[in-house]
């Protein structure tokens, strides 16, 4: 279940109300910072940009690959744990603007998580420690710790217990 808060709008669709929900200059600043970070190969510099200018919580040794797109409106609602990898061209959303409402939700990504390339993470999602999200997945619900998920729609591929068994078997083979 996604944890989002709904904000109804009247008249035009919610995107037409955007600058009533987030200041224009904040969006401009976030856009510039995100575009610099998307093309920056230095992981520590990129994490510093996210922490300092976007107010994102980013754990030590976390790696954002090239072209990752954090939420441009509400990046401060994104928290990423330690030693996590966010794959190439992944999008992390903390908002969604719909016709009659917009929704906001925090995104929490745990420690030692692996997120494959071209993944989209929707608002209000929690991805548990040690989880693996395969490339191209639309993460539309929470991912329990230690599990392996993938696809569109996202499905459970391996439970935490199955993942531990696989790791044990790899060592003995």
C-alpha atoms as a PDB file:
ATOM      1  CA  UNK A   1       0.000   0.000   0.000  1.00  0.00           C
ATOM      2  CA  UNK A   2       1.429   3.358  -1.011  1.00  0.00           C
ATOM      3  CA  UNK A   3       1.444   6.035   1.666  1.00  0.00           C
ATOM      4  CA  UNK A   4       0.384   9.227  -0.100  1.00  0.00           C
ATOM      5  CA  UNK A   5      -1.621  12.209   1.033  1.00  0.00           C
ATOM      6  CA  UNK A   6      -4.278  13.449  -1.379  1.00  0.00           C
ATOM      7  CA  UNK A   7      -4.922  17.118  -2.162  1.00  0.00           C
ATOM      8  CA  UNK A   8      -8.082  17.772  -4.225  1.00  0.00           C
ATOM      9  CA  UNK A   9      -8.152  20.657  -6.723  1.00  0.00           C
ATOM     10  CA  UNK A  10     -10.985  22.581  -8.352  1.00  0.00           C
ATOM     11  CA  UNK A  11     -11.230  23.677 -11.972  1.00  0.00           C
ATOM     12  CA  UNK A  12      -8.252  22.836 -14.168  1.00  0.00           C
ATOM     13  CA  UNK A  13      -6.237  19.649 -13.676  1.00  0.00           C
ATOM     14  CA  UNK A  14      -3.833  19.583 -10.747  1.00  0.00           C
ATOM     15  CA  UNK A  15      -0.728  20.286 -12.843  1.00  0.00           C
ATOM     16  CA  UNK A  16      -2.175  23.712 -13.679  1.00  0.00           C
ATOM     17  CA  UNK A  17      -2.034  24.375  -9.918  1.00  0.00           C
ATOM     18  CA  UNK A  18       1.636  23.402  -9.652  1.00  0.00           C
ATOM     19  CA  UNK A  19       3.047  26.750  -8.510  1.00  0.00           C
ATOM     20  CA  UNK A  20       0.419  26.972  -5.806  1.00  0.00           C
ATOM     21  CA  UNK A  21       1.840  23.705  -4.417  1.00  0.00           C
ATOM     22  CA  UNK A  22       5.578  24.278  -4.922  1.00  0.00           C
ATOM     23  CA  UNK A  23       7.439  27.584  -5.460  1.00  0.00           C
ATOM     24  CA  UNK A  24       8.610  28.268  -9.007  1.00  0.00           C
ATOM     25  CA  UNK A  25      12.172  29.182  -7.952  1.00  0.00           C
ATOM     26  CA  UNK A  26      12.477  25.957  -5.947  1.00  0.00           C
ATOM     27  CA  UNK A  27      11.614  23.980  -9.098  1.00  0.00           C
ATOM     28  CA  UNK A  28      14.161  25.967 -11.144  1.00  0.00           C
ATOM     29  CA  UNK A  29      16.908  25.397  -8.526  1.00  0.00           C
ATOM     30  CA  UNK A  30      16.060  21.688  -8.236  1.00  0.00           C
ATOM     31  CA  UNK A  31      16.056  21.313 -12.030  1.00  0.00           C
ATOM     32  CA  UNK A  32      19.537  22.831 -12.331  1.00  0.00           C
ATOM     33  CA  UNK A  33      20.980  20.758  -9.474  1.00  0.00           C
ATOM     34  CA  UNK A  34      19.425  17.525 -10.760  1.00  0.00           C
ATOM     35  CA  UNK A  35      20.682  18.118 -14.309  1.00  0.00           C
ATOM     36  CA  UNK A  36      24.231  18.700 -13.026  1.00  0.00           C
ATOM     37  CA  UNK A  37      24.022  15.567 -10.865  1.00  0.00           C
ATOM     38  CA  UNK A  38      22.603  13.416 -13.675  1.00  0.00           C
ATOM     39  CA  UNK A  39      25.748  13.934 -15.754  1.00  0.00           C
ATOM     40  CA  UNK A  40      28.295  14.012 -12.920  1.00  0.00           C
ATOM     41  CA  UNK A  41      30.445  10.866 -12.765  1.00  0.00           C
ATOM     42  CA  UNK A  42      31.700  11.627  -9.225  1.00  0.00           C
ATOM     43  CA  UNK A  43      29.494   9.731  -6.775  1.00  0.00           C
ATOM     44  CA  UNK A  44      30.578  11.702  -3.703  1.00  0.00           C
ATOM     45  CA  UNK A  45      30.040  15.040  -5.484  1.00  0.00           C
ATOM     46  CA  UNK A  46      26.616  13.907  -6.662  1.00  0.00           C
ATOM     47  CA  UNK A  47      25.624  12.807  -3.133  1.00  0.00           C
ATOM     48  CA  UNK A  48      26.821  16.161  -1.798  1.00  0.00           C
ATOM     49  CA  UNK A  49      24.611  18.004  -4.302  1.00  0.00           C
ATOM     50  CA  UNK A  50      21.607  15.921  -3.290  1.00  0.00           C
ATOM     51  CA  UNK A  51      22.221  16.421   0.438  1.00  0.00           C
ATOM     52  CA  UNK A  52      23.084  20.111   0.392  1.00  0.00           C
ATOM     53  CA  UNK A  53      20.857  21.596  -2.283  1.00  0.00           C
ATOM     54  CA  UNK A  54      17.934  19.156  -2.478  1.00  0.00           C
ATOM     55  CA  UNK A  55      17.793  18.216   1.244  1.00  0.00           C
ATOM     56  CA  UNK A  56      17.638  14.526   0.380  1.00  0.00           C
ATOM     57  CA  UNK A  57      18.796  12.031   2.996  1.00  0.00           C
ATOM     58  CA  UNK A  58      21.523   9.963   1.328  1.00  0.00           C
ATOM     59  CA  UNK A  59      23.503   7.339   3.224  1.00  0.00           C
ATOM     60  CA  UNK A  60      27.258   6.817   3.074  1.00  0.00           C
ATOM     61  CA  UNK A  61      28.647   4.914   0.077  1.00  0.00           C
ATOM     62  CA  UNK A  62      25.352   5.107  -1.798  1.00  0.00           C
ATOM     63  CA  UNK A  63      25.789   5.260  -5.570  1.00  0.00           C
ATOM     64  CA  UNK A  64      23.443   7.051  -7.965  1.00  0.00           C
ATOM     65  CA  UNK A  65      24.297   6.002 -11.520  1.00  0.00           C
ATOM     66  CA  UNK A  66      24.297   8.441 -14.430  1.00  0.00           C
ATOM     67  CA  UNK A  67      20.937   9.880 -15.485  1.00  0.00           C
ATOM     68  CA  UNK A  68      19.064   9.087 -12.256  1.00  0.00           C
ATOM     69  CA  UNK A  69      16.103  11.472 -11.902  1.00  0.00           C
ATOM     70  CA  UNK A  70      15.009  12.254  -8.343  1.00  0.00           C
ATOM     71  CA  UNK A  71      11.698  14.043  -7.878  1.00  0.00           C
ATOM     72  CA  UNK A  72      12.109  17.604  -9.153  1.00  0.00           C
ATOM     73  CA  UNK A  73       9.293  19.087  -7.046  1.00  0.00           C
ATOM     74  CA  UNK A  74       9.812  17.378  -3.674  1.00  0.00           C
ATOM     75  CA  UNK A  75      13.285  15.751  -3.526  1.00  0.00           C
ATOM     76  CA  UNK A  76      13.410  16.355   0.226  1.00  0.00           C
ATOM     77  CA  UNK A  77      10.814  13.579   0.565  1.00  0.00           C
ATOM     78  CA  UNK A  78      13.346  10.979  -0.661  1.00  0.00           C
ATOM     79  CA  UNK A  79      15.485   9.018   1.784  1.00  0.00           C
ATOM     80  CA  UNK A  80      18.118   6.508   0.633  1.00  0.00           C
ATOM     81  CA  UNK A  81      20.091   4.324   3.042  1.00  0.00           C
ATOM     82  CA  UNK A  82      23.751   3.313   3.144  1.00  0.00           C
ATOM     83  CA  UNK A  83      25.626   1.346   0.478  1.00  0.00           C
ATOM     84  CA  UNK A  84      22.701   1.334  -1.956  1.00  0.00           C
ATOM     85  CA  UNK A  85      22.892   1.412  -5.756  1.00  0.00           C
ATOM     86  CA  UNK A  86      20.325   3.317  -7.821  1.00  0.00           C
ATOM     87  CA  UNK A  87      20.668   2.150 -11.438  1.00  0.00           C
ATOM     88  CA  UNK A  88      21.034   4.150 -14.631  1.00  0.00           C
ATOM     89  CA  UNK A  89      18.071   6.318 -15.668  1.00  0.00           C
ATOM     90  CA  UNK A  90      15.951   5.424 -12.644  1.00  0.00           C
ATOM     91  CA  UNK A  91      13.159   7.861 -11.710  1.00  0.00           C
ATOM     92  CA  UNK A  92      12.183   8.381  -8.068  1.00  0.00           C
ATOM     93  CA  UNK A  93       8.863  10.212  -7.657  1.00  0.00           C
ATOM     94  CA  UNK A  94       7.484  11.754  -4.470  1.00  0.00           C
ATOM     95  CA  UNK A  95       4.526  13.396  -6.236  1.00  0.00           C
ATOM     96  CA  UNK A  96       1.879  12.601  -8.794  1.00  0.00           C
ATOM     97  CA  UNK A  97      -0.356  15.197 -10.402  1.00  0.00           C
ATOM     98  CA  UNK A  98      -3.704  13.793 -11.516  1.00  0.00           C
ATOM     99  CA  UNK A  99      -6.814  15.404 -13.010  1.00  0.00           C
ATOM    100  CA  UNK A 100      -8.783  16.170  -9.835  1.00  0.00           C
ATOM    101  CA  UNK A 101      -6.044  15.882  -7.210  1.00  0.00           C
ATOM    102  CA  UNK A 102      -2.360  15.662  -6.590  1.00  0.00           C
ATOM    103  CA  UNK A 103      -0.666  13.255  -4.181  1.00  0.00           C
ATOM    104  CA  UNK A 104       2.526  13.476  -2.176  1.00  0.00           C
ATOM    105  CA  UNK A 105       4.324  10.611  -0.478  1.00  0.00           C
ATOM    106  CA  UNK A 106       7.723   9.940   1.064  1.00  0.00           C
ATOM    107  CA  UNK A 107      10.006   7.417  -0.617  1.00  0.00           C
ATOM    108  CA  UNK A 108      12.209   5.352   1.678  1.00  0.00           C
ATOM    109  CA  UNK A 109      14.927   3.158   0.199  1.00  0.00           C
ATOM    110  CA  UNK A 110      16.820   1.046   2.742  1.00  0.00           C
ATOM    111  CA  UNK A 111      20.448   0.035   3.221  1.00  0.00           C
ATOM    112  CA  UNK A 112      22.259  -2.234   0.727  1.00  0.00           C
ATOM    113  CA  UNK A 113      19.442  -2.063  -1.826  1.00  0.00           C
ATOM    114  CA  UNK A 114      20.085  -2.709  -5.516  1.00  0.00           C
ATOM    115  CA  UNK A 115      17.788  -0.941  -7.966  1.00  0.00           C
ATOM    116  CA  UNK A 116      18.263  -1.876 -11.619  1.00  0.00           C
ATOM    117  CA  UNK A 117      18.404   0.524 -14.556  1.00  0.00           C
ATOM    118  CA  UNK A 118      15.305   2.227 -15.951  1.00  0.00           C
ATOM    119  CA  UNK A 119      13.217   1.612 -12.842  1.00  0.00           C
ATOM    120  CA  UNK A 120      10.406   3.953 -11.782  1.00  0.00           C
ATOM    121  CA  UNK A 121       9.633   4.289  -8.083  1.00  0.00           C
ATOM    122  CA  UNK A 122       6.226   5.811  -7.335  1.00  0.00           C
ATOM    123  CA  UNK A 123       5.435   8.083  -4.363  1.00  0.00           C
ATOM    124  CA  UNK A 124       4.751   6.637  -0.916  1.00  0.00           C
ATOM    125  CA  UNK A 125       6.911   3.536  -1.394  1.00  0.00           C
ATOM    126  CA  UNK A 126       9.222   1.823   1.072  1.00  0.00           C
ATOM    127  CA  UNK A 127      11.940  -0.525  -0.188  1.00  0.00           C
ATOM    128  CA  UNK A 128      13.396  -2.610   2.642  1.00  0.00           C
ATOM    129  CA  UNK A 129      17.050  -3.249   3.462  1.00  0.00           C
ATOM    130  CA  UNK A 130      18.845  -5.685   1.161  1.00  0.00           C
ATOM    131  CA  UNK A 131      16.072  -5.761  -1.456  1.00  0.00           C
ATOM    132  CA  UNK A 132      16.796  -6.152  -5.161  1.00  0.00           C
ATOM    133  CA  UNK A 133      14.622  -4.481  -7.807  1.00  0.00           C
ATOM    134  CA  UNK A 134      15.280  -5.738 -11.348  1.00  0.00           C
ATOM    135  CA  UNK A 135      15.799  -3.368 -14.269  1.00  0.00           C
ATOM    136  CA  UNK A 136      12.736  -1.790 -15.836  1.00  0.00           C
ATOM    137  CA  UNK A 137      10.466  -2.339 -12.847  1.00  0.00           C
ATOM    138  CA  UNK A 138       7.624   0.011 -11.907  1.00  0.00           C
ATOM    139  CA  UNK A 139       7.674  -0.060  -8.097  1.00  0.00           C
ATOM    140  CA  UNK A 140       4.011   0.539  -7.249  1.00  0.00           C
ATOM    141  CA  UNK A 141       3.929  -1.078  -3.802  1.00  0.00           C
ATOM    142  CA  UNK A 142       6.300  -1.651  -0.907  1.00  0.00           C
ATOM    143  CA  UNK A 143       9.198  -4.081  -1.324  1.00  0.00           C
ATOM    144  CA  UNK A 144       9.922  -6.170   1.797  1.00  0.00           C
ATOM    145  CA  UNK A 145      13.518  -6.369   3.012  1.00  0.00           C
ATOM    146  CA  UNK A 146      15.732  -8.979   1.405  1.00  0.00           C
ATOM    147  CA  UNK A 147      13.328  -9.796  -1.423  1.00  0.00           C
ATOM    148  CA  UNK A 148      13.911  -9.772  -5.167  1.00  0.00           C
ATOM    149  CA  UNK A 149      11.159  -8.136  -7.255  1.00  0.00           C
ATOM    150  CA  UNK A 150      10.762  -7.184 -10.889  1.00  0.00           C
ATOM    151  CA  UNK A 151       8.534  -6.574 -13.843  1.00  0.00           C
ATOM    152  CA  UNK A 152       5.608  -4.429 -14.798  1.00  0.00           C
ATOM    153  CA  UNK A 153       3.427  -5.009 -12.953  1.00  0.00           C
ATOM    154  CA  UNK A 154       5.983  -5.646 -10.239  1.00  0.00           C
ATOM    155  CA  UNK A 155       5.962  -9.191  -8.892  1.00  0.00           C
ATOM    156  CA  UNK A 156       7.848 -11.066  -6.215  1.00  0.00           C
ATOM    157  CA  UNK A 157      10.602 -13.170  -7.804  1.00  0.00           C
ATOM    158  CA  UNK A 158      12.291 -14.502  -4.640  1.00  0.00           C
ATOM    159  CA  UNK A 159      11.405 -14.132  -0.968  1.00  0.00           C
ATOM    160  CA  UNK A 160      14.064 -13.246   1.582  1.00  0.00           C
ATOM    161  CA  UNK A 161      14.365 -16.937   2.597  1.00  0.00           C
ATOM    162  CA  UNK A 162      14.727 -18.037  -1.032  1.00  0.00           C
ATOM    163  CA  UNK A 163      17.388 -15.374  -1.618  1.00  0.00           C
ATOM    164  CA  UNK A 164      19.335 -16.572   1.430  1.00  0.00           C
ATOM    165  CA  UNK A 165      19.111 -20.183   0.163  1.00  0.00           C
ATOM    166  CA  UNK A 166      20.390 -19.119  -3.267  1.00  0.00           C
ATOM    167  CA  UNK A 167      23.332 -17.284  -1.705  1.00  0.00           C
ATOM    168  CA  UNK A 168      24.195 -20.308   0.450  1.00  0.00           C
ATOM    169  CA  UNK A 169      24.042 -22.631  -2.555  1.00  0.00           C
ATOM    170  CA  UNK A 170      26.259 -20.320  -4.651  1.00  0.00           C
ATOM    171  CA  UNK A 171      28.979 -20.516  -1.991  1.00  0.00           C
ATOM    172  CA  UNK A 172      28.940 -24.333  -1.880  1.00  0.00           C
ATOM    173  CA  UNK A 173      28.932 -24.870  -5.663  1.00  0.00           C
END
